[in-house]
Protein backbone atom coordinates (compact mmCIF):
# COMPACT_ATOMS: atom_id res chain seq x y z
CA MET A 1 55.52 13.80 113.34
CA ARG A 2 53.24 13.30 110.38
CA ALA A 3 49.69 14.51 110.05
CA PRO A 4 47.00 11.92 110.82
CA GLY A 5 45.69 10.14 107.74
CA LYS A 6 48.63 11.07 105.53
CA ALA A 7 50.89 8.28 104.41
CA THR A 8 54.43 9.16 103.54
CA ALA A 9 56.31 7.32 100.86
CA PRO A 10 59.94 6.61 101.61
CA LEU A 11 62.26 8.83 99.61
CA ARG A 12 64.35 6.88 97.14
CA PRO A 13 67.69 8.37 96.26
CA ARG A 14 67.93 9.65 92.72
CA THR A 15 70.37 7.80 90.55
CA ILE A 16 72.34 9.75 88.00
CA ALA A 17 74.42 7.92 85.40
CA LEU A 18 77.73 9.49 84.47
CA ARG A 19 79.45 8.81 81.15
CA ARG A 20 82.42 10.19 79.26
CA LEU A 21 82.31 11.17 75.61
CA ASP A 22 85.58 11.77 73.78
CA THR A 23 85.30 14.72 71.39
CA PRO A 24 87.62 16.88 69.29
CA LEU A 25 87.71 19.27 72.29
CA GLY A 26 88.65 16.51 74.73
CA ALA A 27 86.51 14.76 77.29
CA VAL A 28 82.88 15.77 77.76
CA TRP A 29 81.17 14.31 80.83
CA ILE A 30 77.42 13.67 80.63
CA ALA A 31 75.13 13.11 83.63
CA GLU A 32 71.67 11.67 83.04
CA GLU A 33 68.77 10.80 85.29
CA GLY A 34 66.93 8.24 83.22
CA ARG A 35 66.42 9.83 79.81
CA ARG A 36 66.74 13.35 81.18
CA LEU A 37 70.02 15.25 80.92
CA ALA A 38 71.11 16.56 84.33
CA GLY A 39 74.54 17.98 83.58
CA ILE A 40 77.46 18.34 81.17
CA HIS A 41 81.06 19.21 81.91
CA LEU A 42 83.86 19.90 79.43
CA GLY A 43 87.16 18.80 80.89
CA PRO A 44 89.42 15.88 81.77
CA SER A 45 87.78 15.13 85.14
CA ALA A 46 84.16 14.53 86.19
CA GLY A 47 84.88 16.10 89.59
CA PRO A 48 83.36 19.53 88.81
CA LEU A 49 80.22 17.88 87.44
CA ARG A 50 79.90 15.65 90.51
CA ARG A 51 80.20 18.72 92.78
CA ASP A 52 77.59 20.63 90.76
CA LEU A 53 75.16 17.70 90.93
CA ALA A 54 75.67 17.40 94.70
CA ARG A 55 74.88 21.11 95.07
CA ARG A 56 71.88 21.23 92.73
CA LEU A 57 70.42 17.78 93.40
CA PRO A 58 71.29 16.90 97.01
CA GLY A 59 71.00 13.25 97.93
CA SER A 60 71.57 12.07 94.37
CA ARG A 61 73.67 8.99 93.83
CA VAL A 62 76.07 9.34 90.88
CA VAL A 63 77.07 6.04 89.30
CA PRO A 64 79.04 5.13 86.17
CA ALA A 65 76.81 4.58 83.15
CA GLY A 66 76.59 0.97 82.07
CA ARG A 67 78.28 -0.27 78.96
CA THR A 68 74.94 -0.46 77.17
CA ALA A 69 74.06 1.42 74.01
CA ARG A 70 74.95 5.10 73.91
CA SER A 71 72.35 7.44 75.39
CA ALA A 72 70.35 9.94 73.34
CA ALA A 73 72.34 12.82 74.86
CA ALA A 74 75.68 11.18 74.04
CA SER A 75 74.51 10.40 70.50
CA GLN A 76 73.28 13.96 69.92
CA LEU A 77 76.50 15.46 71.27
CA ALA A 78 78.58 13.14 69.05
CA GLU A 79 76.50 14.24 66.04
CA TYR A 80 77.01 17.90 67.03
CA PHE A 81 80.80 17.49 67.17
CA ALA A 82 80.71 15.67 63.82
CA GLY A 83 78.90 18.68 62.29
CA ARG A 84 75.67 16.72 61.69
CA ARG A 85 73.46 18.28 64.40
CA THR A 86 72.47 21.91 64.89
CA ARG A 87 69.67 21.46 67.47
CA PHE A 88 69.24 19.21 70.49
CA SER A 89 66.02 17.39 71.29
CA VAL A 90 67.05 15.63 74.48
CA ALA A 91 65.00 16.36 77.61
CA PHE A 92 66.88 18.19 80.35
CA SER A 93 66.44 19.59 83.83
CA LEU A 94 67.29 23.00 85.26
CA GLU A 95 66.35 21.88 88.75
CA GLY A 96 68.24 23.48 91.61
CA LEU A 97 68.79 26.82 89.86
CA SER A 98 67.30 30.21 90.74
CA PRO A 99 64.32 31.50 88.73
CA PHE A 100 66.51 34.23 87.18
CA THR A 101 69.18 31.73 86.14
CA ARG A 102 66.51 29.46 84.62
CA ARG A 103 65.08 32.44 82.66
CA VAL A 104 68.53 33.33 81.33
CA LEU A 105 69.30 29.72 80.36
CA GLU A 106 65.91 29.27 78.71
CA ALA A 107 66.57 32.43 76.66
CA ALA A 108 70.09 31.20 75.80
CA ALA A 109 68.63 27.89 74.62
CA THR A 110 66.86 29.77 71.81
CA ILE A 111 70.05 31.21 70.28
CA PRO A 112 70.32 29.60 66.83
CA HIS A 113 73.28 27.45 65.79
CA GLY A 114 76.06 29.64 64.40
CA ALA A 115 74.57 32.87 65.78
CA ILE A 116 75.91 35.07 68.56
CA VAL A 117 74.23 37.50 70.95
CA THR A 118 75.74 39.86 73.51
CA TYR A 119 75.22 39.63 77.25
CA GLY A 120 73.11 42.79 77.02
CA GLU A 121 70.90 41.33 74.27
CA LEU A 122 70.39 38.16 76.31
CA ALA A 123 69.55 40.26 79.38
CA ARG A 124 66.79 41.97 77.37
CA GLN A 125 65.50 38.59 76.14
CA ALA A 126 65.40 37.34 79.74
CA GLY A 127 63.34 40.38 80.78
CA ARG A 128 66.11 42.17 82.71
CA PRO A 129 67.62 44.69 80.25
CA LEU A 130 70.02 46.21 82.79
CA ALA A 131 71.35 42.91 84.09
CA ALA A 132 74.10 42.05 81.56
CA ARG A 133 76.61 41.26 84.34
CA ALA A 134 74.08 39.11 86.19
CA VAL A 135 73.45 37.27 82.91
CA GLY A 136 77.17 36.48 82.81
CA GLY A 137 76.89 35.04 86.32
CA ALA A 138 73.89 32.93 85.34
CA LEU A 139 75.70 31.59 82.28
CA HIS A 140 78.72 30.75 84.43
CA VAL A 141 76.62 28.18 86.33
CA ASN A 142 75.01 26.72 83.19
CA PRO A 143 74.83 22.99 83.97
CA LEU A 144 74.34 22.07 80.29
CA PRO A 145 76.94 23.83 78.13
CA ILE A 146 76.62 23.14 74.40
CA VAL A 147 72.99 21.94 74.76
CA ILE A 148 72.21 25.34 76.30
CA PRO A 149 74.68 27.25 74.13
CA CYS A 150 76.23 29.77 76.50
CA HIS A 151 79.27 29.79 74.18
CA ARG A 152 77.12 31.80 71.73
CA VAL A 153 76.93 34.73 74.17
CA VAL A 154 79.67 37.30 73.67
CA ALA A 155 80.77 40.60 75.16
CA SER A 156 80.12 43.91 73.46
CA GLY A 157 82.95 46.30 72.87
CA PRO A 158 83.59 49.67 71.23
CA SER A 159 84.60 47.98 67.97
CA GLY A 160 81.85 45.34 68.05
CA PRO A 161 81.30 41.99 69.72
CA ARG A 162 84.29 40.24 71.27
CA LEU A 163 84.84 36.77 72.66
CA GLY A 164 84.32 37.39 76.41
CA GLY A 165 84.36 34.59 78.99
CA PHE A 166 83.41 30.92 79.05
CA GLY A 167 83.57 28.40 81.88
CA GLY A 168 85.11 25.83 79.55
CA GLY A 169 87.90 28.23 78.57
CA LEU A 170 88.21 30.69 75.70
CA ALA A 171 89.97 28.18 73.43
CA ARG A 172 86.97 25.83 73.71
CA LYS A 173 84.53 28.71 73.17
CA ARG A 174 86.40 29.76 70.04
CA ALA A 175 86.47 26.14 68.80
CA LEU A 176 82.72 25.68 69.39
CA LEU A 177 81.91 28.90 67.54
CA ARG A 178 84.23 27.88 64.70
CA LEU A 179 82.54 24.45 64.53
CA GLU A 180 79.20 26.24 64.13
CA GLY A 181 80.48 28.71 61.53
CA ALA A 182 79.83 31.74 63.74
CA PRO A 183 81.46 35.08 62.89
CA ARG A 184 85.10 35.46 64.01
CA LEU A 185 85.50 37.63 67.08
CA ALA A 186 88.29 39.60 68.68
CA PRO A 187 89.72 37.98 71.83
């Protein structure tokens, strides 16, 4: 029952366009709601991205992107893989994530191209200096890898920083860091 005098607008389902970009690392799937980036997935199938969108943005309708001109996100990612882009300017959404995860991802978004930070350093930047493991969990659900460069976050070890984990696989993490000219790390 609605309150008297309050009109309710019918909810329109959100439409998210899904497109594939072929890169030196294989397929990269890009999900966009209008001009806003909603998700990225590195891998041969869009299935994991579709599941993430359904979880974070319930009721969304995911459709194939039209064959029109390439989107800003696709163009910027292509430039990144060609070595011509070091920063992204595309609008994006972190909707459907916890406040802590958003804080961690916002801090990760500031890591410069070619630089690395440890999970502990990122935890301090996110305002939770003792939460290095929780930072790893937040990065694991990063819906926008590469644009929010979780691949630049590494583990600390007794002999210095080491590669650590990455949802896209360690080979992809190593390749992304190499593309950016980051320091070599132990596996």
